[in-house]
Amino acid sequence: MNESIAAKLLDDLRDGNIAELFVKKEDFLVFRSVLVKRDDFKHFRGIAQRGGHVIYHYLKEPRS
């Protein structure tokens, strides 16, 4: 995964085109570097999975 793909996937998740986003362990560092730069960073919730993978959801209300 590269930064442009990560940004596109985050936009798709935000816009409701996908319900959740599965990020593999090997893609996590690139993905997270894109995620933390976004203005709507607090709207994304990641749930850790077994093996280092993460599933992300978009929240209408930002987390605290």
PDB file of N, CA and C in Angstrom:
ATOM      1  N   MET A   1       0.855  -1.178   0.000  1.00  0.00           N
ATOM      2  CA  MET A   1       0.000   0.000   0.000  1.00  0.00           C
ATOM      3  C   MET A   1       0.896   1.235   0.000  1.00  0.00           C
ATOM      4  N   ASN A   2       0.501   2.231  -0.791  1.00  0.00           N
ATOM      5  CA  ASN A   2       1.226   3.498  -0.765  1.00  0.00           C
ATOM      6  C   ASN A   2       0.301   4.583  -0.216  1.00  0.00           C
ATOM      7  N   GLU A   3       0.832   5.795  -0.073  1.00  0.00           N
ATOM      8  CA  GLU A   3       0.076   6.870   0.567  1.00  0.00           C
ATOM      9  C   GLU A   3      -1.162   7.281  -0.222  1.00  0.00           C
ATOM     10  N   SER A   4      -1.095   7.263  -1.537  1.00  0.00           N
ATOM     11  CA  SER A   4      -2.265   7.665  -2.326  1.00  0.00           C
ATOM     12  C   SER A   4      -3.391   6.637  -2.217  1.00  0.00           C
ATOM     13  N   ILE A   5      -3.048   5.366  -2.168  1.00  0.00           N
ATOM     14  CA  ILE A   5      -4.067   4.320  -1.987  1.00  0.00           C
ATOM     15  C   ILE A   5      -4.692   4.440  -0.602  1.00  0.00           C
ATOM     16  N   ALA A   6      -3.864   4.689   0.414  1.00  0.00           N
ATOM     17  CA  ALA A   6      -4.379   4.843   1.776  1.00  0.00           C
ATOM     18  C   ALA A   6      -5.338   6.026   1.860  1.00  0.00           C
ATOM     19  N   ALA A   7      -4.986   7.140   1.241  1.00  0.00           N
ATOM     20  CA  ALA A   7      -5.856   8.317   1.261  1.00  0.00           C
ATOM     21  C   ALA A   7      -7.177   8.028   0.555  1.00  0.00           C
ATOM     22  N   LYS A   8      -7.132   7.324  -0.562  1.00  0.00           N
ATOM     23  CA  LYS A   8      -8.352   6.960  -1.310  1.00  0.00           C
ATOM     24  C   LYS A   8      -9.244   6.050  -0.470  1.00  0.00           C
ATOM     25  N   LEU A   9      -8.648   5.069   0.199  1.00  0.00           N
ATOM     26  CA  LEU A   9      -9.428   4.162   1.044  1.00  0.00           C
ATOM     27  C   LEU A   9     -10.066   4.907   2.218  1.00  0.00           C
ATOM     28  N   LEU A  10      -9.345   5.833   2.819  1.00  0.00           N
ATOM     29  CA  LEU A  10      -9.905   6.623   3.916  1.00  0.00           C
ATOM     30  C   LEU A  10     -11.057   7.497   3.432  1.00  0.00           C
ATOM     31  N   ASP A  11     -10.917   8.071   2.246  1.00  0.00           N
ATOM     32  CA  ASP A  11     -12.013   8.865   1.673  1.00  0.00           C
ATOM     33  C   ASP A  11     -13.231   7.997   1.399  1.00  0.00           C
ATOM     34  N   ASP A  12     -13.022   6.789   0.887  1.00  0.00           N
ATOM     35  CA  ASP A  12     -14.126   5.863   0.635  1.00  0.00           C
ATOM     36  C   ASP A  12     -14.838   5.491   1.928  1.00  0.00           C
ATOM     37  N   LEU A  13     -14.076   5.272   2.983  1.00  0.00           N
ATOM     38  CA  LEU A  13     -14.663   4.938   4.277  1.00  0.00           C
ATOM     39  C   LEU A  13     -15.460   6.129   4.813  1.00  0.00           C
ATOM     40  N   ARG A  14     -14.906   7.324   4.735  1.00  0.00           N
ATOM     41  CA  ARG A  14     -15.591   8.529   5.195  1.00  0.00           C
ATOM     42  C   ARG A  14     -16.883   8.780   4.422  1.00  0.00           C
ATOM     43  N   ASP A  15     -16.842   8.576   3.110  1.00  0.00           N
ATOM     44  CA  ASP A  15     -17.991   8.858   2.255  1.00  0.00           C
ATOM     45  C   ASP A  15     -19.055   7.763   2.288  1.00  0.00           C
ATOM     46  N   GLY A  16     -18.785   6.664   2.980  1.00  0.00           N
ATOM     47  CA  GLY A  16     -19.757   5.589   3.090  1.00  0.00           C
ATOM     48  C   GLY A  16     -19.745   4.610   1.935  1.00  0.00           C
ATOM     49  N   ASN A  17     -18.753   4.700   1.063  1.00  0.00           N
ATOM     50  CA  ASN A  17     -18.648   3.751  -0.048  1.00  0.00           C
ATOM     51  C   ASN A  17     -18.270   2.357   0.434  1.00  0.00           C
ATOM     52  N   ILE A  18     -17.581   2.287   1.579  1.00  0.00           N
ATOM     53  CA  ILE A  18     -17.273   1.011   2.230  1.00  0.00           C
ATOM     54  C   ILE A  18     -17.640   1.140   3.706  1.00  0.00           C
ATOM     55  N   ALA A  19     -18.071   0.039   4.313  1.00  0.00           N
ATOM     56  CA  ALA A  19     -18.526   0.066   5.702  1.00  0.00           C
ATOM     57  C   ALA A  19     -17.365  -0.030   6.688  1.00  0.00           C
ATOM     58  N   GLU A  20     -16.332  -0.773   6.318  1.00  0.00           N
ATOM     59  CA  GLU A  20     -15.168  -0.923   7.169  1.00  0.00           C
ATOM     60  C   GLU A  20     -13.946  -1.145   6.301  1.00  0.00           C
ATOM     61  N   LEU A  21     -12.795  -0.924   6.907  1.00  0.00           N
ATOM     62  CA  LEU A  21     -11.541  -1.022   6.172  1.00  0.00           C
ATOM     63  C   LEU A  21     -10.587  -1.923   6.931  1.00  0.00           C
ATOM     64  N   PHE A  22     -10.142  -2.992   6.287  1.00  0.00           N
ATOM     65  CA  PHE A  22      -9.213  -3.937   6.889  1.00  0.00           C
ATOM     66  C   PHE A  22      -7.799  -3.566   6.447  1.00  0.00           C
ATOM     67  N   VAL A  23      -6.928  -3.296   7.420  1.00  0.00           N
ATOM     68  CA  VAL A  23      -5.545  -2.927   7.127  1.00  0.00           C
ATOM     69  C   VAL A  23      -4.637  -4.033   7.645  1.00  0.00           C
ATOM     70  N   LYS A  24      -3.843  -4.592   6.749  1.00  0.00           N
ATOM     71  CA  LYS A  24      -2.916  -5.655   7.124  1.00  0.00           C
ATOM     72  C   LYS A  24      -1.755  -5.089   7.930  1.00  0.00           C
ATOM     73  N   LYS A  25      -1.165  -5.945   8.724  1.00  0.00           N
ATOM     74  CA  LYS A  25      -0.048  -5.569   9.583  1.00  0.00           C
ATOM     75  C   LYS A  25       1.077  -4.916   8.789  1.00  0.00           C
ATOM     76  N   GLU A  26       1.397  -5.459   7.625  1.00  0.00           N
ATOM     77  CA  GLU A  26       2.518  -4.933   6.835  1.00  0.00           C
ATOM     78  C   GLU A  26       2.215  -3.573   6.202  1.00  0.00           C
ATOM     79  N   ASP A  27       0.938  -3.188   6.122  1.00  0.00           N
ATOM     80  CA  ASP A  27       0.548  -1.899   5.551  1.00  0.00           C
ATOM     81  C   ASP A  27       0.275  -0.840   6.615  1.00  0.00           C
ATOM     82  N   PHE A  28       0.297  -1.236   7.873  1.00  0.00           N
ATOM     83  CA  PHE A  28      -0.156  -0.356   8.951  1.00  0.00           C
ATOM     84  C   PHE A  28       0.643   0.939   9.062  1.00  0.00           C
ATOM     85  N   LEU A  29       1.958   0.889   9.011  1.00  0.00           N
ATOM     86  CA  LEU A  29       2.762   2.091   9.223  1.00  0.00           C
ATOM     87  C   LEU A  29       2.527   3.142   8.143  1.00  0.00           C
ATOM     88  N   VAL A  30       2.438   2.721   6.901  1.00  0.00           N
ATOM     89  CA  VAL A  30       2.151   3.661   5.813  1.00  0.00           C
ATOM     90  C   VAL A  30       0.741   4.217   5.988  1.00  0.00           C
ATOM     91  N   PHE A  31      -0.207   3.343   6.279  1.00  0.00           N
ATOM     92  CA  PHE A  31      -1.605   3.754   6.446  1.00  0.00           C
ATOM     93  C   PHE A  31      -1.744   4.762   7.590  1.00  0.00           C
ATOM     94  N   ARG A  32      -1.141   4.462   8.714  1.00  0.00           N
ATOM     95  CA  ARG A  32      -1.262   5.339   9.881  1.00  0.00           C
ATOM     96  C   ARG A  32      -0.623   6.701   9.630  1.00  0.00           C
ATOM     97  N   SER A  33       0.479   6.739   8.894  1.00  0.00           N
ATOM     98  CA  SER A  33       1.124   8.024   8.608  1.00  0.00           C
ATOM     99  C   SER A  33       0.192   8.938   7.816  1.00  0.00           C
ATOM    100  N   VAL A  34      -0.629   8.365   6.949  1.00  0.00           N
ATOM    101  CA  VAL A  34      -1.610   9.145   6.196  1.00  0.00           C
ATOM    102  C   VAL A  34      -2.779   9.529   7.102  1.00  0.00           C
ATOM    103  N   LEU A  35      -3.229   8.599   7.898  1.00  0.00           N
ATOM    104  CA  LEU A  35      -4.388   8.820   8.769  1.00  0.00           C
ATOM    105  C   LEU A  35      -4.175   9.959   9.755  1.00  0.00           C
ATOM    106  N   VAL A  36      -3.040  10.009  10.427  1.00  0.00           N
ATOM    107  CA  VAL A  36      -2.829  11.009  11.476  1.00  0.00           C
ATOM    108  C   VAL A  36      -2.682  12.426  10.926  1.00  0.00           C
ATOM    109  N   LYS A  37      -2.456  12.574   9.639  1.00  0.00           N
ATOM    110  CA  LYS A  37      -2.338  13.898   9.029  1.00  0.00           C
ATOM    111  C   LYS A  37      -3.695  14.492   8.642  1.00  0.00           C
ATOM    112  N   ARG A  38      -4.739  13.700   8.705  1.00  0.00           N
ATOM    113  CA  ARG A  38      -6.070  14.154   8.270  1.00  0.00           C
ATOM    114  C   ARG A  38      -6.738  15.016   9.334  1.00  0.00           C
ATOM    115  N   ASP A  39      -7.535  15.979   8.867  1.00  0.00           N
ATOM    116  CA  ASP A  39      -8.283  16.833   9.781  1.00  0.00           C
ATOM    117  C   ASP A  39      -9.364  16.055  10.525  1.00  0.00           C
ATOM    118  N   ASP A  40      -9.902  15.017   9.892  1.00  0.00           N
ATOM    119  CA  ASP A  40     -10.966  14.220  10.517  1.00  0.00           C
ATOM    120  C   ASP A  40     -10.425  12.952  11.184  1.00  0.00           C
ATOM    121  N   PHE A  41      -9.185  12.989  11.622  1.00  0.00           N
ATOM    122  CA  PHE A  41      -8.522  11.847  12.253  1.00  0.00           C
ATOM    123  C   PHE A  41      -9.341  11.247  13.393  1.00  0.00           C
ATOM    124  N   LYS A  42      -9.951  12.087  14.202  1.00  0.00           N
ATOM    125  CA  LYS A  42     -10.692  11.617  15.382  1.00  0.00           C
ATOM    126  C   LYS A  42     -11.992  10.893  15.023  1.00  0.00           C
ATOM    127  N   HIS A  43     -12.392  10.923  13.774  1.00  0.00           N
ATOM    128  CA  HIS A  43     -13.609  10.235  13.351  1.00  0.00           C
ATOM    129  C   HIS A  43     -13.352   8.763  13.012  1.00  0.00           C
ATOM    130  N   PHE A  44     -12.099   8.385  12.901  1.00  0.00           N
ATOM    131  CA  PHE A  44     -11.759   7.004  12.558  1.00  0.00           C
ATOM    132  C   PHE A  44     -11.452   6.224  13.820  1.00  0.00           C
ATOM    133  N   ARG A  45     -12.029   5.024  13.904  1.00  0.00           N
ATOM    134  CA  ARG A  45     -11.768   4.150  15.044  1.00  0.00           C
ATOM    135  C   ARG A  45     -11.182   2.856  14.523  1.00  0.00           C
ATOM    136  N   GLY A  46     -10.021   2.492  15.040  1.00  0.00           N
ATOM    137  CA  GLY A  46      -9.380   1.250  14.659  1.00  0.00           C
ATOM    138  C   GLY A  46      -9.532   0.211  15.745  1.00  0.00           C
ATOM    139  N   ILE A  47      -9.870  -1.002  15.338  1.00  0.00           N
ATOM    140  CA  ILE A  47     -10.027  -2.110  16.282  1.00  0.00           C
ATOM    141  C   ILE A  47      -8.971  -3.159  15.942  1.00  0.00           C
ATOM    142  N   ALA A  48      -8.056  -3.376  16.872  1.00  0.00           N
ATOM    143  CA  ALA A  48      -6.958  -4.312  16.652  1.00  0.00           C
ATOM    144  C   ALA A  48      -7.479  -5.738  16.535  1.00  0.00           C
ATOM    145  N   GLN A  49      -6.868  -6.469  15.627  1.00  0.00           N
ATOM    146  CA  GLN A  49      -7.224  -7.868  15.392  1.00  0.00           C
ATOM    147  C   GLN A  49      -6.030  -8.754  15.732  1.00  0.00           C
ATOM    148  N   ARG A  50      -6.273 -10.001  15.790  1.00  0.00           N
ATOM    149  CA  ARG A  50      -5.215 -10.971  16.031  1.00  0.00           C
ATOM    150  C   ARG A  50      -4.207 -10.917  14.886  1.00  0.00           C
ATOM    151  N   GLY A  51      -2.935 -10.951  15.208  1.00  0.00           N
ATOM    152  CA  GLY A  51      -1.901 -10.971  14.192  1.00  0.00           C
ATOM    153  C   GLY A  51      -1.421  -9.594  13.774  1.00  0.00           C
ATOM    154  N   GLY A  52      -1.909  -8.531  14.406  1.00  0.00           N
ATOM    155  CA  GLY A  52      -1.442  -7.186  14.103  1.00  0.00           C
ATOM    156  C   GLY A  52      -2.250  -6.441  13.063  1.00  0.00           C
ATOM    157  N   HIS A  53      -3.331  -7.018  12.584  1.00  0.00           N
ATOM    158  CA  HIS A  53      -4.183  -6.348  11.609  1.00  0.00           C
ATOM    159  C   HIS A  53      -5.155  -5.419  12.346  1.00  0.00           C
ATOM    160  N   VAL A  54      -5.726  -4.446  11.608  1.00  0.00           N
ATOM    161  CA  VAL A  54      -6.647  -3.480  12.218  1.00  0.00           C
ATOM    162  C   VAL A  54      -7.843  -3.284  11.295  1.00  0.00           C
ATOM    163  N   ILE A  55      -9.037  -3.205  11.893  1.00  0.00           N
ATOM    164  CA  ILE A  55     -10.257  -2.879  11.149  1.00  0.00           C
ATOM    165  C   ILE A  55     -10.680  -1.475  11.562  1.00  0.00           C
ATOM    166  N   TYR A  56     -10.867  -0.607  10.571  1.00  0.00           N
ATOM    167  CA  TYR A  56     -11.260   0.779  10.816  1.00  0.00           C
ATOM    168  C   TYR A  56     -12.712   1.011  10.440  1.00  0.00           C
ATOM    169  N   HIS A  57     -13.375   1.846  11.258  1.00  0.00           N
ATOM    170  CA  HIS A  57     -14.730   2.319  10.997  1.00  0.00           C
ATOM    171  C   HIS A  57     -14.704   3.838  11.063  1.00  0.00           C
ATOM    172  N   TYR A  58     -15.660   4.462  10.395  1.00  0.00           N
ATOM    173  CA  TYR A  58     -15.791   5.922  10.451  1.00  0.00           C
ATOM    174  C   TYR A  58     -16.952   6.272  11.364  1.00  0.00           C
ATOM    175  N   LEU A  59     -16.704   7.172  12.309  1.00  0.00           N
ATOM    176  CA  LEU A  59     -17.713   7.595  13.264  1.00  0.00           C
ATOM    177  C   LEU A  59     -18.255   8.975  12.884  1.00  0.00           C
ATOM    178  N   LYS A  60     -19.557   9.151  12.991  1.00  0.00           N
ATOM    179  CA  LYS A  60     -20.156  10.462  12.686  1.00  0.00           C
ATOM    180  C   LYS A  60     -19.709  11.511  13.706  1.00  0.00           C
ATOM    181  N   GLU A  61     -19.608  11.094  14.960  1.00  0.00           N
ATOM    182  CA  GLU A  61     -19.126  11.979  16.029  1.00  0.00           C
ATOM    183  C   GLU A  61     -17.667  11.632  16.328  1.00  0.00           C
ATOM    184  N   PRO A  62     -16.804  12.633  16.455  1.00  0.00           N
ATOM    185  CA  PRO A  62     -15.403  12.322  16.746  1.00  0.00           C
ATOM    186  C   PRO A  62     -15.234  11.731  18.133  1.00  0.00           C
ATOM    187  N   ARG A  63     -14.283  10.824  18.236  1.00  0.00           N
ATOM    188  CA  ARG A  63     -13.993  10.247  19.548  1.00  0.00           C
ATOM    189  C   ARG A  63     -13.230  11.273  20.373  1.00  0.00           C
ATOM    190  N   SER A  64     -13.258  11.110  21.665  1.00  0.00           N
ATOM    191  CA  SER A  64     -12.613  12.118  22.530  1.00  0.00           C
ATOM    192  C   SER A  64     -11.137  11.868  22.676  1.00  0.00           C
TER     193      SER A  64
END
